[in-house]
Protein backbone atom coordinates (compact mmCIF):
# COMPACT_ATOMS: atom_id res chain seq x y z
CA UNK A 1 -21.01 10.35 -9.45
CA UNK A 2 -18.74 7.33 -8.95
CA UNK A 3 -19.97 5.92 -12.27
CA UNK A 4 -19.16 9.21 -14.00
CA UNK A 5 -15.64 9.11 -12.57
CA UNK A 6 -15.14 5.54 -13.78
CA UNK A 7 -16.47 6.41 -17.25
CA UNK A 8 -14.14 9.41 -17.46
CA UNK A 9 -11.18 7.20 -16.52
CA UNK A 10 -12.17 4.52 -19.06
CA UNK A 11 -12.48 7.17 -21.79
CA UNK A 12 -9.13 8.69 -20.80
CA UNK A 13 -7.49 5.26 -20.97
CA UNK A 14 -9.05 4.64 -24.39
CA UNK A 15 -7.64 7.92 -25.71
CA UNK A 16 -4.23 7.26 -24.14
CA UNK A 17 -3.98 3.74 -25.58
CA UNK A 18 -5.03 4.96 -29.02
CA UNK A 19 -2.46 7.75 -28.87
CA UNK A 20 0.30 5.34 -27.77
CA UNK A 21 -0.40 2.90 -30.59
CA UNK A 22 -0.50 5.48 -33.37
CA UNK A 23 2.56 7.25 -31.97
CA UNK A 24 4.53 3.99 -31.83
CA UNK A 25 3.65 3.39 -35.50
CA UNK A 26 4.92 6.93 -36.24
CA UNK A 27 1.58 8.05 -37.65
CA UNK A 28 -0.01 11.43 -36.92
CA UNK A 29 2.67 12.14 -34.32
CA UNK A 30 1.76 15.73 -33.47
CA UNK A 31 -1.94 14.91 -33.34
CA UNK A 32 -1.17 12.00 -30.99
CA UNK A 33 0.78 14.28 -28.66
CA UNK A 34 -2.28 16.51 -28.47
CA UNK A 35 -4.54 13.47 -28.01
CA UNK A 36 -2.36 12.28 -25.12
CA UNK A 37 -2.74 15.72 -23.53
CA UNK A 38 -6.53 15.36 -23.74
CA UNK A 39 -6.31 11.77 -22.42
CA UNK A 40 -4.21 12.92 -19.47
CA UNK A 41 -6.76 15.62 -18.69
CA UNK A 42 -9.54 13.02 -18.65
CA UNK A 43 -7.49 10.72 -16.44
CA UNK A 44 -6.65 13.47 -13.98
CA UNK A 45 -10.28 14.59 -13.88
CA UNK A 46 -11.45 11.01 -13.35
CA UNK A 47 -8.99 10.46 -10.51
CA UNK A 48 -10.03 13.72 -8.90
CA UNK A 49 -13.74 12.88 -9.14
CA UNK A 50 -13.15 9.37 -7.85
CA UNK A 51 -11.19 10.55 -4.84
CA UNK A 52 -13.70 13.29 -4.12
CA UNK A 53 -16.72 10.97 -4.15
CA UNK A 54 -15.19 7.64 -3.08
CA UNK A 55 -12.66 8.94 -0.52
CA UNK A 56 -10.21 6.28 -1.66
CA UNK A 57 -8.01 5.89 -4.68
CA UNK A 58 -7.97 2.09 -4.61
CA UNK A 59 -11.22 1.59 -6.55
CA UNK A 60 -10.01 3.89 -9.30
CA UNK A 61 -6.62 2.13 -9.45
CA UNK A 62 -8.42 -1.17 -9.97
CA UNK A 63 -10.67 0.46 -12.58
CA UNK A 64 -7.63 1.85 -14.42
CA UNK A 65 -5.87 -1.50 -14.51
CA UNK A 66 -9.08 -3.19 -15.61
CA UNK A 67 -9.59 -0.58 -18.33
CA UNK A 68 -6.09 -1.23 -19.63
CA UNK A 69 -6.64 -5.00 -19.52
CA UNK A 70 -9.92 -4.77 -21.41
CA UNK A 71 -9.28 -1.91 -23.82
CA UNK A 72 -5.66 -2.33 -24.85
CA UNK A 73 -5.95 -5.72 -26.59
CA UNK A 74 -9.15 -4.61 -28.36
CA UNK A 75 -7.71 -1.30 -29.53
CA UNK A 76 -4.44 -2.89 -30.66
CA UNK A 77 -6.31 -5.52 -32.67
CA UNK A 78 -8.68 -2.97 -34.24
CA UNK A 79 -5.93 -0.50 -35.19
CA UNK A 80 -3.11 -2.84 -36.19
CA UNK A 81 -4.77 -6.21 -36.81
CA UNK A 82 -2.09 -7.89 -34.68
CA UNK A 83 -3.13 -10.80 -32.48
CA UNK A 84 -1.32 -11.67 -29.25
CA UNK A 85 1.21 -14.48 -29.04
CA UNK A 86 1.08 -17.18 -26.36
CA UNK A 87 3.07 -15.20 -23.80
CA UNK A 88 0.79 -12.19 -24.15
CA UNK A 89 -2.30 -14.40 -23.76
CA UNK A 90 -0.91 -15.95 -20.58
CA UNK A 91 -0.07 -12.48 -19.24
CA UNK A 92 -3.59 -11.29 -20.02
CA UNK A 93 -5.17 -14.23 -18.15
CA UNK A 94 -2.91 -13.68 -15.13
CA UNK A 95 -3.67 -9.94 -15.16
CA UNK A 96 -7.41 -10.58 -15.18
CA UNK A 97 -7.01 -13.09 -12.34
CA UNK A 98 -5.03 -10.49 -10.39
CA UNK A 99 -7.76 -7.87 -10.84
CA UNK A 100 -10.43 -10.31 -9.66
CA UNK A 101 -8.26 -11.24 -6.67
CA UNK A 102 -7.79 -7.56 -5.78
CA UNK A 103 -11.53 -6.92 -5.97
CA UNK A 104 -12.59 -10.11 -4.21
CA UNK A 105 -10.08 -10.42 -1.37
CA UNK A 106 -10.47 -7.92 1.43
């Protein structure tokens, strides 16, 4: 059930990121508000499942941050075609290192 919770959170993050990008470009604004509502429902459900079956919110926090780190650059590039500048690349590498540190250091 932990895997289901993580998948629900990843899907919720994907929907939320997609909604944010289209909304910021002022495209399909009302549809994106509805999509964000659906994304929030998935995220809340994923957090609830994770807490229920893992008894800790820390693994799901790490999964959420990791989902954002992995999905956001991919979704931005696919939707807008924009590539990150040097500062964004450095931030991405440091964010990934931070996630690995949080998972590896106990």
